[in-house]
Amino acid sequence: MKPPYCFLCHRDFHKEKGGDLVYFSDYVPLEEGMMGHSSGSEWFCPEHQAAANALAFKTSSEALLDLQREYGEFPPLPPFGPNPDHEARELSAGALMRKIVDIVRRITGRATPKDK
């Protein structure tokens, strides 16, 4: 799933109240057990959500073009991923580390120590 960054202004609003996914007429939910971001839906911040909801009867591409015409261009969203200017940081998962490692091994097909 895409993180909650507004499609229009690219504002990260996950810590704010308001804003949500808008489901357009071409929304197709993901199959059960699938992870990702469904086509036909986009995140909108509290400032732009009402305008997006008003266009939910259109396909996502039609509505998004209309919204971009109405609001204009915003600076592009910075790329996601590690910042090369920062050192890698260690993640501490505490008591959950064993469970996390087991899940990763199961997903990747790598053997756990007890399976060897």
PDB file of N, CA and C in Angstrom:
ATOM      1  N   MET A   1       0.838  -1.168   0.000  1.00  0.00           N
ATOM      2  CA  MET A   1       0.000   0.000   0.000  1.00  0.00           C
ATOM      3  C   MET A   1       0.887   1.237   0.000  1.00  0.00           C
ATOM      4  N   LYS A   2       0.463   2.216  -0.724  1.00  0.00           N
ATOM      5  CA  LYS A   2       1.198   3.487  -0.737  1.00  0.00           C
ATOM      6  C   LYS A   2       1.052   4.153   0.621  1.00  0.00           C
ATOM      7  N   PRO A   3       2.079   4.846   1.072  1.00  0.00           N
ATOM      8  CA  PRO A   3       1.930   5.585   2.329  1.00  0.00           C
ATOM      9  C   PRO A   3       0.985   6.769   2.117  1.00  0.00           C
ATOM     10  N   PRO A   4       0.405   7.297   3.204  1.00  0.00           N
ATOM     11  CA  PRO A   4      -0.580   8.374   3.066  1.00  0.00           C
ATOM     12  C   PRO A   4       0.035   9.730   2.733  1.00  0.00           C
ATOM     13  N   TYR A   5       0.410   9.886   1.486  1.00  0.00           N
ATOM     14  CA  TYR A   5       0.877  11.159   0.941  1.00  0.00           C
ATOM     15  C   TYR A   5      -0.198  11.620  -0.032  1.00  0.00           C
ATOM     16  N   CYS A   6      -0.635  12.850   0.091  1.00  0.00           N
ATOM     17  CA  CYS A   6      -1.692  13.374  -0.767  1.00  0.00           C
ATOM     18  C   CYS A   6      -1.275  13.291  -2.236  1.00  0.00           C
ATOM     19  N   PHE A   7      -2.165  12.782  -3.071  1.00  0.00           N
ATOM     20  CA  PHE A   7      -1.882  12.672  -4.496  1.00  0.00           C
ATOM     21  C   PHE A   7      -1.553  14.030  -5.101  1.00  0.00           C
ATOM     22  N   LEU A   8      -2.221  15.083  -4.637  1.00  0.00           N
ATOM     23  CA  LEU A   8      -2.022  16.408  -5.226  1.00  0.00           C
ATOM     24  C   LEU A   8      -0.815  17.144  -4.668  1.00  0.00           C
ATOM     25  N   CYS A   9      -0.820  17.383  -3.361  1.00  0.00           N
ATOM     26  CA  CYS A   9       0.217  18.248  -2.773  1.00  0.00           C
ATOM     27  C   CYS A   9       1.387  17.461  -2.197  1.00  0.00           C
ATOM     28  N   HIS A  10       1.256  16.126  -2.138  1.00  0.00           N
ATOM     29  CA  HIS A  10       2.311  15.224  -1.647  1.00  0.00           C
ATOM     30  C   HIS A  10       2.594  15.388  -0.159  1.00  0.00           C
ATOM     31  N   ARG A  11       1.671  16.023   0.556  1.00  0.00           N
ATOM     32  CA  ARG A  11       1.860  16.202   2.001  1.00  0.00           C
ATOM     33  C   ARG A  11       1.682  14.864   2.707  1.00  0.00           C
ATOM     34  N   ASP A  12       2.582  14.576   3.624  1.00  0.00           N
ATOM     35  CA  ASP A  12       2.505  13.384   4.469  1.00  0.00           C
ATOM     36  C   ASP A  12       1.549  13.728   5.608  1.00  0.00           C
ATOM     37  N   PHE A  13       0.378  13.105   5.632  1.00  0.00           N
ATOM     38  CA  PHE A  13      -0.608  13.475   6.641  1.00  0.00           C
ATOM     39  C   PHE A  13      -0.961  12.324   7.566  1.00  0.00           C
ATOM     40  N   HIS A  14      -0.140  11.279   7.643  1.00  0.00           N
ATOM     41  CA  HIS A  14      -0.494  10.117   8.450  1.00  0.00           C
ATOM     42  C   HIS A  14      -0.574  10.417   9.936  1.00  0.00           C
ATOM     43  N   LYS A  15       0.033  11.486  10.410  1.00  0.00           N
ATOM     44  CA  LYS A  15      -0.033  11.827  11.829  1.00  0.00           C
ATOM     45  C   LYS A  15      -1.131  12.852  12.122  1.00  0.00           C
ATOM     46  N   GLU A  16      -1.794  13.336  11.085  1.00  0.00           N
ATOM     47  CA  GLU A  16      -2.860  14.320  11.250  1.00  0.00           C
ATOM     48  C   GLU A  16      -4.215  13.629  11.241  1.00  0.00           C
ATOM     49  N   LYS A  17      -5.230  14.329  11.749  1.00  0.00           N
ATOM     50  CA  LYS A  17      -6.591  13.815  11.638  1.00  0.00           C
ATOM     51  C   LYS A  17      -7.159  14.257  10.307  1.00  0.00           C
ATOM     52  N   GLY A  18      -7.932  13.385   9.712  1.00  0.00           N
ATOM     53  CA  GLY A  18      -8.541  13.700   8.429  1.00  0.00           C
ATOM     54  C   GLY A  18      -7.697  13.195   7.283  1.00  0.00           C
ATOM     55  N   GLY A  19      -8.258  13.297   6.099  1.00  0.00           N
ATOM     56  CA  GLY A  19      -7.589  12.747   4.935  1.00  0.00           C
ATOM     57  C   GLY A  19      -7.810  11.244   4.901  1.00  0.00           C
ATOM     58  N   ASP A  20      -7.896  10.701   3.708  1.00  0.00           N
ATOM     59  CA  ASP A  20      -8.153   9.274   3.593  1.00  0.00           C
ATOM     60  C   ASP A  20      -8.003   8.851   2.139  1.00  0.00           C
ATOM     61  N   LEU A  21      -8.182   7.567   1.913  1.00  0.00           N
ATOM     62  CA  LEU A  21      -8.218   7.043   0.551  1.00  0.00           C
ATOM     63  C   LEU A  21      -9.543   7.440  -0.085  1.00  0.00           C
ATOM     64  N   VAL A  22      -9.508   7.774  -1.362  1.00  0.00           N
ATOM     65  CA  VAL A  22     -10.725   8.006  -2.136  1.00  0.00           C
ATOM     66  C   VAL A  22     -10.781   6.903  -3.182  1.00  0.00           C
ATOM     67  N   TYR A  23     -11.945   6.262  -3.260  1.00  0.00           N
ATOM     68  CA  TYR A  23     -12.151   5.154  -4.187  1.00  0.00           C
ATOM     69  C   TYR A  23     -12.956   5.672  -5.384  1.00  0.00           C
ATOM     70  N   PHE A  24     -12.362   5.626  -6.566  1.00  0.00           N
ATOM     71  CA  PHE A  24     -13.000   6.118  -7.778  1.00  0.00           C
ATOM     72  C   PHE A  24     -13.781   4.985  -8.449  1.00  0.00           C
ATOM     73  N   SER A  25     -14.512   5.309  -9.524  1.00  0.00           N
ATOM     74  CA  SER A  25     -15.408   4.340 -10.150  1.00  0.00           C
ATOM     75  C   SER A  25     -14.670   3.125 -10.725  1.00  0.00           C
ATOM     76  N   ASP A  26     -13.385   3.253 -11.005  1.00  0.00           N
ATOM     77  CA  ASP A  26     -12.619   2.123 -11.540  1.00  0.00           C
ATOM     78  C   ASP A  26     -11.847   1.365 -10.459  1.00  0.00           C
ATOM     79  N   TYR A  27     -12.233   1.570  -9.204  1.00  0.00           N
ATOM     80  CA  TYR A  27     -11.569   0.890  -8.083  1.00  0.00           C
ATOM     81  C   TYR A  27     -11.720  -0.625  -8.215  1.00  0.00           C
ATOM     82  N   VAL A  28     -10.605  -1.313  -8.057  1.00  0.00           N
ATOM     83  CA  VAL A  28     -10.592  -2.774  -8.074  1.00  0.00           C
ATOM     84  C   VAL A  28      -9.855  -3.226  -6.820  1.00  0.00           C
ATOM     85  N   PRO A  29     -10.563  -3.864  -5.878  1.00  0.00           N
ATOM     86  CA  PRO A  29      -9.883  -4.312  -4.660  1.00  0.00           C
ATOM     87  C   PRO A  29      -8.870  -5.411  -4.969  1.00  0.00           C
ATOM     88  N   LEU A  30      -7.869  -5.503  -4.128  1.00  0.00           N
ATOM     89  CA  LEU A  30      -6.875  -6.565  -4.279  1.00  0.00           C
ATOM     90  C   LEU A  30      -7.503  -7.899  -3.892  1.00  0.00           C
ATOM     91  N   GLU A  31      -7.021  -8.955  -4.488  1.00  0.00           N
ATOM     92  CA  GLU A  31      -7.494 -10.287  -4.128  1.00  0.00           C
ATOM     93  C   GLU A  31      -7.109 -10.588  -2.691  1.00  0.00           C
ATOM     94  N   GLU A  32      -7.893 -11.445  -2.058  1.00  0.00           N
ATOM     95  CA  GLU A  32      -7.632 -11.796  -0.667  1.00  0.00           C
ATOM     96  C   GLU A  32      -6.214 -12.341  -0.510  1.00  0.00           C
ATOM     97  N   GLY A  33      -5.514 -11.855   0.484  1.00  0.00           N
ATOM     98  CA  GLY A  33      -4.145 -12.277   0.746  1.00  0.00           C
ATOM     99  C   GLY A  33      -3.098 -11.471   0.009  1.00  0.00           C
ATOM    100  N   MET A  34      -3.510 -10.620  -0.917  1.00  0.00           N
ATOM    101  CA  MET A  34      -2.568  -9.794  -1.669  1.00  0.00           C
ATOM    102  C   MET A  34      -2.273  -8.523  -0.886  1.00  0.00           C
ATOM    103  N   MET A  35      -1.061  -8.006  -1.058  1.00  0.00           N
ATOM    104  CA  MET A  35      -0.683  -6.747  -0.433  1.00  0.00           C
ATOM    105  C   MET A  35      -0.302  -5.779  -1.540  1.00  0.00           C
ATOM    106  N   GLY A  36      -0.544  -4.507  -1.308  1.00  0.00           N
ATOM    107  CA  GLY A  36      -0.205  -3.492  -2.282  1.00  0.00           C
ATOM    108  C   GLY A  36      -1.215  -2.373  -2.248  1.00  0.00           C
ATOM    109  N   HIS A  37      -1.291  -1.630  -3.319  1.00  0.00           N
ATOM    110  CA  HIS A  37      -2.212  -0.506  -3.411  1.00  0.00           C
ATOM    111  C   HIS A  37      -3.181  -0.779  -4.555  1.00  0.00           C
ATOM    112  N   SER A  38      -4.458  -0.791  -4.240  1.00  0.00           N
ATOM    113  CA  SER A  38      -5.490  -1.093  -5.229  1.00  0.00           C
ATOM    114  C   SER A  38      -5.546  -0.027  -6.308  1.00  0.00           C
ATOM    115  N   SER A  39      -5.778  -0.460  -7.542  1.00  0.00           N
ATOM    116  CA  SER A  39      -5.953   0.520  -8.609  1.00  0.00           C
ATOM    117  C   SER A  39      -7.307   1.187  -8.422  1.00  0.00           C
ATOM    118  N   GLY A  40      -7.383   2.446  -8.823  1.00  0.00           N
ATOM    119  CA  GLY A  40      -8.622   3.195  -8.698  1.00  0.00           C
ATOM    120  C   GLY A  40      -8.803   3.878  -7.356  1.00  0.00           C
ATOM    121  N   SER A  41      -7.763   3.922  -6.550  1.00  0.00           N
ATOM    122  CA  SER A  41      -7.830   4.628  -5.266  1.00  0.00           C
ATOM    123  C   SER A  41      -6.562   5.446  -5.072  1.00  0.00           C
ATOM    124  N   GLU A  42      -6.704   6.571  -4.400  1.00  0.00           N
ATOM    125  CA  GLU A  42      -5.557   7.435  -4.099  1.00  0.00           C
ATOM    126  C   GLU A  42      -5.771   8.098  -2.749  1.00  0.00           C
ATOM    127  N   TRP A  43      -4.669   8.451  -2.107  1.00  0.00           N
ATOM    128  CA  TRP A  43      -4.698   9.182  -0.828  1.00  0.00           C
ATOM    129  C   TRP A  43      -4.884  10.680  -1.094  1.00  0.00           C
ATOM    130  N   PHE A  44      -5.647  11.314  -0.207  1.00  0.00           N
ATOM    131  CA  PHE A  44      -5.815  12.771  -0.246  1.00  0.00           C
ATOM    132  C   PHE A  44      -5.783  13.303   1.171  1.00  0.00           C
ATOM    133  N   CYS A  45      -5.085  14.425   1.342  1.00  0.00           N
ATOM    134  CA  CYS A  45      -4.986  15.087   2.643  1.00  0.00           C
ATOM    135  C   CYS A  45      -6.334  15.729   2.972  1.00  0.00           C
ATOM    136  N   PRO A  46      -6.516  16.203   4.221  1.00  0.00           N
ATOM    137  CA  PRO A  46      -7.786  16.824   4.598  1.00  0.00           C
ATOM    138  C   PRO A  46      -8.165  18.006   3.699  1.00  0.00           C
ATOM    139  N   GLU A  47      -7.194  18.732   3.226  1.00  0.00           N
ATOM    140  CA  GLU A  47      -7.457  19.909   2.393  1.00  0.00           C
ATOM    141  C   GLU A  47      -8.024  19.544   1.017  1.00  0.00           C
ATOM    142  N   HIS A  48      -7.623  18.405   0.460  1.00  0.00           N
ATOM    143  CA  HIS A  48      -8.026  18.037  -0.895  1.00  0.00           C
ATOM    144  C   HIS A  48      -9.032  16.891  -0.965  1.00  0.00           C
ATOM    145  N   GLN A  49      -9.357  16.285   0.165  1.00  0.00           N
ATOM    146  CA  GLN A  49     -10.221  15.108   0.154  1.00  0.00           C
ATOM    147  C   GLN A  49     -11.639  15.413  -0.337  1.00  0.00           C
ATOM    148  N   ALA A  50     -12.233  16.509   0.078  1.00  0.00           N
ATOM    149  CA  ALA A  50     -13.603  16.815  -0.343  1.00  0.00           C
ATOM    150  C   ALA A  50     -13.697  16.969  -1.861  1.00  0.00           C
ATOM    151  N   ALA A  51     -12.729  17.650  -2.454  1.00  0.00           N
ATOM    152  CA  ALA A  51     -12.725  17.819  -3.914  1.00  0.00           C
ATOM    153  C   ALA A  51     -12.581  16.469  -4.606  1.00  0.00           C
ATOM    154  N   ALA A  52     -11.745  15.595  -4.067  1.00  0.00           N
ATOM    155  CA  ALA A  52     -11.568  14.263  -4.656  1.00  0.00           C
ATOM    156  C   ALA A  52     -12.833  13.431  -4.490  1.00  0.00           C
ATOM    157  N   ASN A  53     -13.451  13.488  -3.307  1.00  0.00           N
ATOM    158  CA  ASN A  53     -14.700  12.743  -3.085  1.00  0.00           C
ATOM    159  C   ASN A  53     -15.784  13.181  -4.058  1.00  0.00           C
ATOM    160  N   ALA A  54     -15.838  14.470  -4.388  1.00  0.00           N
ATOM    161  CA  ALA A  54     -16.846  14.984  -5.315  1.00  0.00           C
ATOM    162  C   ALA A  54     -16.668  14.412  -6.720  1.00  0.00           C
ATOM    163  N   LEU A  55     -15.480  13.914  -7.030  1.00  0.00           N
ATOM    164  CA  LEU A  55     -15.198  13.348  -8.354  1.00  0.00           C
ATOM    165  C   LEU A  55     -15.115  11.818  -8.335  1.00  0.00           C
ATOM    166  N   ALA A  56     -15.505  11.196  -7.233  1.00  0.00           N
ATOM    167  CA  ALA A  56     -15.369   9.743  -7.086  1.00  0.00           C
ATOM    168  C   ALA A  56     -16.212   8.964  -8.096  1.00  0.00           C
ATOM    169  N   PHE A  57     -17.195   9.592  -8.711  1.00  0.00           N
ATOM    170  CA  PHE A  57     -18.016   8.920  -9.713  1.00  0.00           C
ATOM    171  C   PHE A  57     -17.258   8.730 -11.031  1.00  0.00           C
ATOM    172  N   LYS A  58     -16.138   9.429 -11.196  1.00  0.00           N
ATOM    173  CA  LYS A  58     -15.319   9.309 -12.406  1.00  0.00           C
ATOM    174  C   LYS A  58     -14.267   8.226 -12.209  1.00  0.00           C
ATOM    175  N   THR A  59     -13.604   7.866 -13.320  1.00  0.00           N
ATOM    176  CA  THR A  59     -12.465   6.957 -13.185  1.00  0.00           C
ATOM    177  C   THR A  59     -11.339   7.728 -12.508  1.00  0.00           C
ATOM    178  N   SER A  60     -10.393   7.009 -11.942  1.00  0.00           N
ATOM    179  CA  SER A  60      -9.294   7.673 -11.238  1.00  0.00           C
ATOM    180  C   SER A  60      -8.499   8.569 -12.178  1.00  0.00           C
ATOM    181  N   SER A  61      -8.226   8.114 -13.386  1.00  0.00           N
ATOM    182  CA  SER A  61      -7.426   8.941 -14.299  1.00  0.00           C
ATOM    183  C   SER A  61      -8.163  10.210 -14.689  1.00  0.00           C
ATOM    184  N   GLU A  62      -9.482  10.132 -14.939  1.00  0.00           N
ATOM    185  CA  GLU A  62     -10.265  11.334 -15.254  1.00  0.00           C
ATOM    186  C   GLU A  62     -10.286  12.300 -14.074  1.00  0.00           C
ATOM    187  N   ALA A  63     -10.571  11.770 -12.902  1.00  0.00           N
ATOM    188  CA  ALA A  63     -10.671  12.612 -11.705  1.00  0.00           C
ATOM    189  C   ALA A  63      -9.332  13.250 -11.360  1.00  0.00           C
ATOM    190  N   LEU A  64      -8.259  12.497 -11.454  1.00  0.00           N
ATOM    191  CA  LEU A  64      -6.947  13.023 -11.095  1.00  0.00           C
ATOM    192  C   LEU A  64      -6.517  14.125 -12.056  1.00  0.00           C
ATOM    193  N   LEU A  65      -6.841  13.965 -13.337  1.00  0.00           N
ATOM    194  CA  LEU A  65      -6.545  15.037 -14.296  1.00  0.00           C
ATOM    195  C   LEU A  65      -7.349  16.299 -13.974  1.00  0.00           C
ATOM    196  N   ASP A  66      -8.632  16.131 -13.657  1.00  0.00           N
ATOM    197  CA  ASP A  66      -9.469  17.284 -13.273  1.00  0.00           C
ATOM    198  C   ASP A  66      -8.905  17.985 -12.043  1.00  0.00           C
ATOM    199  N   LEU A  67      -8.490  17.207 -11.054  1.00  0.00           N
ATOM    200  CA  LEU A  67      -7.944  17.792  -9.823  1.00  0.00           C
ATOM    201  C   LEU A  67      -6.636  18.527 -10.094  1.00  0.00           C
ATOM    202  N   GLN A  68      -5.792  17.963 -10.935  1.00  0.00           N
ATOM    203  CA  GLN A  68      -4.531  18.628 -11.256  1.00  0.00           C
ATOM    204  C   GLN A  68      -4.782  19.927 -12.023  1.00  0.00           C
ATOM    205  N   ARG A  69      -5.794  19.931 -12.895  1.00  0.00           N
ATOM    206  CA  ARG A  69      -6.134  21.178 -13.603  1.00  0.00           C
ATOM    207  C   ARG A  69      -6.640  22.234 -12.624  1.00  0.00           C
ATOM    208  N   GLU A  70      -7.458  21.818 -11.670  1.00  0.00           N
ATOM    209  CA  GLU A  70      -8.035  22.756 -10.701  1.00  0.00           C
ATOM    210  C   GLU A  70      -6.995  23.314  -9.738  1.00  0.00           C
ATOM    211  N   TYR A  71      -6.108  22.465  -9.236  1.00  0.00           N
ATOM    212  CA  TYR A  71      -5.162  22.877  -8.201  1.00  0.00           C
ATOM    213  C   TYR A  71      -3.779  23.211  -8.732  1.00  0.00           C
ATOM    214  N   GLY A  72      -3.481  22.865  -9.974  1.00  0.00           N
ATOM    215  CA  GLY A  72      -2.168  23.163 -10.526  1.00  0.00           C
ATOM    216  C   GLY A  72      -1.131  22.142 -10.115  1.00  0.00           C
ATOM    217  N   GLU A  73       0.098  22.440 -10.460  1.00  0.00           N
ATOM    218  CA  GLU A  73       1.220  21.538 -10.180  1.00  0.00           C
ATOM    219  C   GLU A  73       1.818  21.837  -8.805  1.00  0.00           C
ATOM    220  N   PHE A  74       2.179  20.791  -8.115  1.00  0.00           N
ATOM    221  CA  PHE A  74       2.887  20.887  -6.838  1.00  0.00           C
ATOM    222  C   PHE A  74       4.284  20.330  -7.047  1.00  0.00           C
ATOM    223  N   PRO A  75       5.224  20.673  -6.181  1.00  0.00           N
ATOM    224  CA  PRO A  75       6.566  20.077  -6.303  1.00  0.00           C
ATOM    225  C   PRO A  75       6.458  18.559  -6.237  1.00  0.00           C
ATOM    226  N   PRO A  76       7.327  17.845  -6.950  1.00  0.00           N
ATOM    227  CA  PRO A  76       7.248  16.385  -6.952  1.00  0.00           C
ATOM    228  C   PRO A  76       7.557  15.797  -5.580  1.00  0.00           C
ATOM    229  N   LEU A  77       7.008  14.619  -5.356  1.00  0.00           N
ATOM    230  CA  LEU A  77       7.247  13.887  -4.119  1.00  0.00           C
ATOM    231  C   LEU A  77       8.687  13.405  -4.119  1.00  0.00           C
ATOM    232  N   PRO A  78       9.433  13.621  -3.027  1.00  0.00           N
ATOM    233  CA  PRO A  78      10.810  13.115  -2.993  1.00  0.00           C
ATOM    234  C   PRO A  78      10.813  11.588  -3.057  1.00  0.00           C
ATOM    235  N   PRO A  79      11.839  10.981  -3.610  1.00  0.00           N
ATOM    236  CA  PRO A  79      11.872   9.518  -3.730  1.00  0.00           C
ATOM    237  C   PRO A  79      11.918   8.846  -2.367  1.00  0.00           C
ATOM    238  N   PHE A  80      11.311   7.660  -2.285  1.00  0.00           N
ATOM    239  CA  PHE A  80      11.358   6.866  -1.063  1.00  0.00           C
ATOM    240  C   PHE A  80      12.636   6.050  -1.068  1.00  0.00           C
ATOM    241  N   GLY A  81      13.058   5.630   0.097  1.00  0.00           N
ATOM    242  CA  GLY A  81      14.219   4.760   0.171  1.00  0.00           C
ATOM    243  C   GLY A  81      15.273   5.348   1.070  1.00  0.00           C
ATOM    244  N   PRO A  82      16.357   4.628   1.236  1.00  0.00           N
ATOM    245  CA  PRO A  82      17.410   5.090   2.134  1.00  0.00           C
ATOM    246  C   PRO A  82      18.053   6.380   1.634  1.00  0.00           C
ATOM    247  N   ASN A  83      18.401   7.210   2.553  1.00  0.00           N
ATOM    248  CA  ASN A  83      19.068   8.462   2.230  1.00  0.00           C
ATOM    249  C   ASN A  83      20.572   8.201   2.228  1.00  0.00           C
ATOM    250  N   PRO A  84      21.237   8.402   1.092  1.00  0.00           N
ATOM    251  CA  PRO A  84      22.673   8.090   1.022  1.00  0.00           C
ATOM    252  C   PRO A  84      23.524   8.977   1.925  1.00  0.00           C
ATOM    253  N   ASP A  85      22.961  10.072   2.428  1.00  0.00           N
ATOM    254  CA  ASP A  85      23.727  10.959   3.298  1.00  0.00           C
ATOM    255  C   ASP A  85      23.723  10.506   4.754  1.00  0.00           C
ATOM    256  N   HIS A  86      22.962   9.478   5.067  1.00  0.00           N
ATOM    257  CA  HIS A  86      22.873   9.004   6.443  1.00  0.00           C
ATOM    258  C   HIS A  86      23.440   7.601   6.553  1.00  0.00           C
ATOM    259  N   GLU A  87      24.000   7.308   7.716  1.00  0.00           N
ATOM    260  CA  GLU A  87      24.512   5.973   7.965  1.00  0.00           C
ATOM    261  C   GLU A  87      23.349   5.013   8.168  1.00  0.00           C
ATOM    262  N   ALA A  88      23.589   3.741   7.895  1.00  0.00           N
ATOM    263  CA  ALA A  88      22.578   2.730   8.190  1.00  0.00           C
ATOM    264  C   ALA A  88      22.390   2.674   9.697  1.00  0.00           C
ATOM    265  N   ARG A  89      21.165   2.510  10.107  1.00  0.00           N
ATOM    266  CA  ARG A  89      20.871   2.457  11.542  1.00  0.00           C
ATOM    267  C   ARG A  89      20.362   1.073  11.888  1.00  0.00           C
ATOM    268  N   GLU A  90      20.685   0.627  13.078  1.00  0.00           N
ATOM    269  CA  GLU A  90      20.258  -0.681  13.532  1.00  0.00           C
ATOM    270  C   GLU A  90      18.835  -0.588  14.052  1.00  0.00           C
ATOM    271  N   LEU A  91      18.010  -1.583  13.725  1.00  0.00           N
ATOM    272  CA  LEU A  91      16.641  -1.647  14.196  1.00  0.00           C
ATOM    273  C   LEU A  91      16.582  -2.630  15.341  1.00  0.00           C
ATOM    274  N   SER A  92      16.034  -2.203  16.437  1.00  0.00           N
ATOM    275  CA  SER A  92      15.885  -3.088  17.581  1.00  0.00           C
ATOM    276  C   SER A  92      14.441  -3.543  17.677  1.00  0.00           C
ATOM    277  N   ALA A  93      14.215  -4.838  17.570  1.00  0.00           N
ATOM    278  CA  ALA A  93      12.864  -5.372  17.650  1.00  0.00           C
ATOM    279  C   ALA A  93      12.618  -6.042  18.989  1.00  0.00           C
ATOM    280  N   GLY A  94      13.619  -6.059  19.855  1.00  0.00           N
ATOM    281  CA  GLY A  94      13.451  -6.607  21.193  1.00  0.00           C
ATOM    282  C   GLY A  94      12.969  -8.039  21.187  1.00  0.00           C
ATOM    283  N   ALA A  95      11.933  -8.291  21.995  1.00  0.00           N
ATOM    284  CA  ALA A  95      11.408  -9.645  22.167  1.00  0.00           C
ATOM    285  C   ALA A  95      10.787 -10.200  20.892  1.00  0.00           C
ATOM    286  N   LEU A  96      10.431  -9.365  19.969  1.00  0.00           N
ATOM    287  CA  LEU A  96       9.811  -9.832  18.727  1.00  0.00           C
ATOM    288  C   LEU A  96      10.817 -10.267  17.675  1.00  0.00           C
ATOM    289  N   MET A  97      12.096 -10.067  17.924  1.00  0.00           N
ATOM    290  CA  MET A  97      13.109 -10.360  16.915  1.00  0.00           C
ATOM    291  C   MET A  97      13.010 -11.805  16.424  1.00  0.00           C
ATOM    292  N   ARG A  98      12.872 -12.762  17.304  1.00  0.00           N
ATOM    293  CA  ARG A  98      12.816 -14.172  16.903  1.00  0.00           C
ATOM    294  C   ARG A  98      11.627 -14.415  15.973  1.00  0.00           C
ATOM    295  N   LYS A  99      10.464 -13.847  16.311  1.00  0.00           N
ATOM    296  CA  LYS A  99       9.281 -14.026  15.472  1.00  0.00           C
ATOM    297  C   LYS A  99       9.490 -13.376  14.105  1.00  0.00           C
ATOM    298  N   ILE A 100      10.092 -12.206  14.085  1.00  0.00           N
ATOM    299  CA  ILE A 100      10.344 -11.502  12.829  1.00  0.00           C
ATOM    300  C   ILE A 100      11.285 -12.309  11.947  1.00  0.00           C
ATOM    301  N   VAL A 101      12.353 -12.819  12.525  1.00  0.00           N
ATOM    302  CA  VAL A 101      13.320 -13.632  11.770  1.00  0.00           C
ATOM    303  C   VAL A 101      12.642 -14.886  11.230  1.00  0.00           C
ATOM    304  N   ASP A 102      11.816 -15.543  12.045  1.00  0.00           N
ATOM    305  CA  ASP A 102      11.112 -16.747  11.580  1.00  0.00           C
ATOM    306  C   ASP A 102      10.175 -16.436  10.423  1.00  0.00           C
ATOM    307  N   ILE A 103       9.468 -15.315  10.482  1.00  0.00           N
ATOM    308  CA  ILE A 103       8.560 -14.930   9.400  1.00  0.00           C
ATOM    309  C   ILE A 103       9.343 -14.665   8.121  1.00  0.00           C
ATOM    310  N   VAL A 104      10.449 -13.926   8.234  1.00  0.00           N
ATOM    311  CA  VAL A 104      11.266 -13.628   7.053  1.00  0.00           C
ATOM    312  C   VAL A 104      11.823 -14.917   6.465  1.00  0.00           C
ATOM    313  N   ARG A 105      12.292 -15.819   7.299  1.00  0.00           N
ATOM    314  CA  ARG A 105      12.816 -17.091   6.795  1.00  0.00           C
ATOM    315  C   ARG A 105      11.732 -17.905   6.111  1.00  0.00           C
ATOM    316  N   ARG A 106      10.533 -17.933   6.685  1.00  0.00           N
ATOM    317  CA  ARG A 106       9.438 -18.690   6.074  1.00  0.00           C
ATOM    318  C   ARG A 106       9.070 -18.099   4.715  1.00  0.00           C
ATOM    319  N   ILE A 107       8.989 -16.780   4.625  1.00  0.00           N
ATOM    320  CA  ILE A 107       8.614 -16.118   3.371  1.00  0.00           C
ATOM    321  C   ILE A 107       9.680 -16.326   2.300  1.00  0.00           C
ATOM    322  N   THR A 108      10.937 -16.249   2.702  1.00  0.00           N
ATOM    323  CA  THR A 108      12.023 -16.358   1.732  1.00  0.00           C
ATOM    324  C   THR A 108      12.444 -17.797   1.452  1.00  0.00           C
ATOM    325  N   GLY A 109      11.901 -18.763   2.215  1.00  0.00           N
ATOM    326  CA  GLY A 109      12.257 -20.158   2.007  1.00  0.00           C
ATOM    327  C   GLY A 109      13.577 -20.547   2.633  1.00  0.00           C
ATOM    328  N   ARG A 110      14.157 -19.672   3.441  1.00  0.00           N
ATOM    329  CA  ARG A 110      15.421 -19.988   4.110  1.00  0.00           C
ATOM    330  C   ARG A 110      15.135 -20.851   5.333  1.00  0.00           C
ATOM    331  N   ALA A 111      15.975 -21.811   5.585  1.00  0.00           N
ATOM    332  CA  ALA A 111      15.789 -22.734   6.690  1.00  0.00           C
ATOM    333  C   ALA A 111      16.047 -22.049   8.030  1.00  0.00           C
ATOM    334  N   THR A 112      15.274 -22.410   9.024  1.00  0.00           N
ATOM    335  CA  THR A 112      15.532 -21.951  10.385  1.00  0.00           C
ATOM    336  C   THR A 112      16.569 -22.902  10.985  1.00  0.00           C
ATOM    337  N   PRO A 113      17.291 -22.490  12.020  1.00  0.00           N
ATOM    338  CA  PRO A 113      18.318 -23.357  12.619  1.00  0.00           C
ATOM    339  C   PRO A 113      17.778 -24.728  13.000  1.00  0.00           C
ATOM    340  N   LYS A 114      16.534 -24.828  13.496  1.00  0.00           N
ATOM    341  CA  LYS A 114      15.990 -26.118  13.901  1.00  0.00           C
ATOM    342  C   LYS A 114      15.651 -27.023  12.712  1.00  0.00           C
ATOM    343  N   ASP A 115      15.525 -26.413  11.489  1.00  0.00           N
ATOM    344  CA  ASP A 115      15.226 -27.185  10.275  1.00  0.00           C
ATOM    345  C   ASP A 115      16.478 -27.815   9.673  1.00  0.00           C
ATOM    346  N   LYS A 116      17.664 -27.401  10.080  1.00  0.00           N
ATOM    347  CA  LYS A 116      18.900 -27.894   9.473  1.00  0.00           C
ATOM    348  C   LYS A 116      19.258 -29.266   9.983  1.00  0.00           C
TER     349      LYS A 116
END
